[in-house]
Amino acid sequence: MDKTLEEGLQIAILRSLVLNFDLYSDLYDIRSRRSGSDIYVEVFLGFDPESTVAECMKNIEILRCAMRKEIGDAQIIIVPATAQTPQYADSAVGQGEPGSSREPAATMEHWS
């Protein structure tokens, strides 16, 4: 059964993003949930358009490691996005898992 991620873990995700704000240019969306003992996090970030793919991938890995350090073992997906990205309808969290129900997108204004 899926549940909302605890507030302390949500804050830890934000902390890791704030401490590494220089690695990305925009924060579009954050989605998080707990399914049993498993934690799933999706973060949609914008990166400098002048960056190479290699630089973006390096920054994504640094951010993923920072989040794992804050929240422990979790499935963390960081998606490069732009302001033109559709409402993230095809996100990876919750898809392909039998019996899973997806929660509404968590944004900076509303963590659900």
Protein backbone atom coordinates (compact mmCIF):
# COMPACT_ATOMS: atom_id res chain seq x y z
CA MET A 1 0.00 0.00 0.00
CA ASP A 2 1.40 3.38 -1.01
CA LYS A 3 1.68 6.15 1.55
CA THR A 4 2.86 9.71 1.62
CA LEU A 5 6.53 10.04 2.47
CA GLU A 6 7.12 11.32 5.99
CA GLU A 7 7.71 15.06 6.34
CA GLY A 8 11.22 14.55 7.73
CA LEU A 9 12.25 12.63 4.61
CA GLN A 10 10.61 15.22 2.35
CA ILE A 11 12.64 17.92 4.10
CA ALA A 12 15.80 15.82 3.70
CA ILE A 13 15.18 15.66 -0.06
CA LEU A 14 14.79 19.43 -0.17
CA ARG A 15 17.93 19.87 1.93
CA SER A 16 20.00 17.84 -0.52
CA LEU A 17 18.64 19.94 -3.40
CA VAL A 18 19.34 23.21 -1.60
CA LEU A 19 22.87 22.20 -0.65
CA ASN A 20 23.58 21.36 -4.30
CA PHE A 21 21.62 24.17 -5.98
CA ASP A 22 24.60 25.02 -8.20
CA LEU A 23 24.28 21.67 -10.04
CA TYR A 24 20.94 22.49 -11.74
CA SER A 25 19.14 25.57 -13.04
CA ASP A 26 15.44 24.86 -12.38
CA LEU A 27 13.32 22.73 -10.06
CA TYR A 28 10.05 21.74 -11.73
CA ASP A 29 8.55 18.98 -9.63
CA ILE A 30 9.23 16.53 -6.81
CA ARG A 31 7.24 13.34 -6.33
CA SER A 32 7.81 10.98 -3.44
CA ARG A 33 6.06 8.05 -1.84
CA ARG A 34 6.58 5.02 0.34
CA SER A 35 5.40 1.56 -0.61
CA GLY A 36 5.95 -0.75 2.35
CA SER A 37 9.59 -0.24 3.29
CA ASP A 38 10.55 1.03 -0.18
CA ILE A 39 10.97 4.75 -0.88
CA TYR A 40 10.46 6.20 -4.36
CA VAL A 41 11.55 9.72 -5.32
CA GLU A 42 11.27 11.49 -8.67
CA VAL A 43 12.80 14.92 -9.17
CA PHE A 44 12.31 16.94 -12.36
CA LEU A 45 15.19 19.38 -12.84
CA GLY A 46 16.33 21.80 -15.51
CA PHE A 47 19.99 22.03 -16.41
CA ASP A 48 22.05 24.70 -18.12
CA PRO A 49 21.40 24.32 -21.86
CA GLU A 50 25.10 24.99 -22.48
CA SER A 51 26.06 21.92 -20.41
CA THR A 52 27.11 18.72 -22.10
CA VAL A 53 25.21 15.50 -21.54
CA ALA A 54 28.23 14.20 -19.61
CA GLU A 55 28.13 17.20 -17.26
CA CYS A 56 24.39 16.76 -16.67
CA MET A 57 24.81 13.05 -15.96
CA LYS A 58 27.64 13.77 -13.53
CA ASN A 59 25.48 16.34 -11.72
CA ILE A 60 22.54 13.93 -11.62
CA GLU A 61 24.72 11.27 -10.00
CA ILE A 62 26.06 13.77 -7.43
CA LEU A 63 22.47 14.77 -6.57
CA ARG A 64 21.34 11.13 -6.35
CA CYS A 65 24.21 10.34 -3.96
CA ALA A 66 23.42 13.42 -1.85
CA MET A 67 19.78 12.34 -1.56
CA ARG A 68 20.72 8.77 -0.63
CA LYS A 69 23.03 10.15 2.05
CA GLU A 70 20.07 12.13 3.46
CA ILE A 71 17.28 9.55 3.16
CA GLY A 72 19.01 6.19 2.89
CA ASP A 73 18.38 3.47 0.35
CA ALA A 74 15.71 4.66 -2.07
CA GLN A 75 14.74 4.43 -5.73
CA ILE A 76 15.75 7.94 -6.87
CA ILE A 77 15.04 9.08 -10.40
CA ILE A 78 16.22 12.50 -11.55
CA VAL A 79 14.62 13.56 -14.82
CA PRO A 80 16.06 16.37 -16.93
CA ALA A 81 13.10 18.59 -17.80
CA THR A 82 12.28 21.92 -19.38
CA ALA A 83 9.47 24.42 -18.97
CA GLN A 84 7.96 22.84 -22.12
CA THR A 85 7.88 19.33 -20.64
CA PRO A 86 4.25 18.13 -20.47
CA GLN A 87 2.85 17.67 -16.98
CA TYR A 88 5.18 14.72 -16.39
CA ALA A 89 2.41 12.27 -17.28
CA ASP A 90 4.86 9.55 -18.34
CA SER A 91 6.95 9.51 -15.16
CA ALA A 92 8.61 6.29 -14.01
CA VAL A 93 7.50 6.13 -10.36
CA GLY A 94 4.54 3.83 -9.87
CA GLN A 95 4.47 2.44 -13.39
CA GLY A 96 4.78 -1.25 -13.96
CA GLU A 97 4.19 -2.14 -10.32
CA PRO A 98 1.17 -4.40 -9.82
CA GLY A 99 -1.42 -2.87 -7.55
CA SER A 100 0.35 0.47 -7.24
CA SER A 101 -1.56 3.70 -7.04
CA ARG A 102 0.17 6.93 -7.93
CA GLU A 103 -0.19 9.99 -5.78
CA PRO A 104 -0.70 13.46 -7.28
CA ALA A 105 2.48 15.29 -8.16
CA ALA A 106 4.23 16.86 -5.20
CA THR A 107 5.30 20.41 -5.89
CA MET A 108 7.10 22.99 -3.84
CA GLU A 109 3.69 24.43 -2.89
CA HIS A 110 2.07 21.11 -2.06
CA TRP A 111 3.74 17.94 -0.81
CA SER A 112 1.32 15.06 -0.88
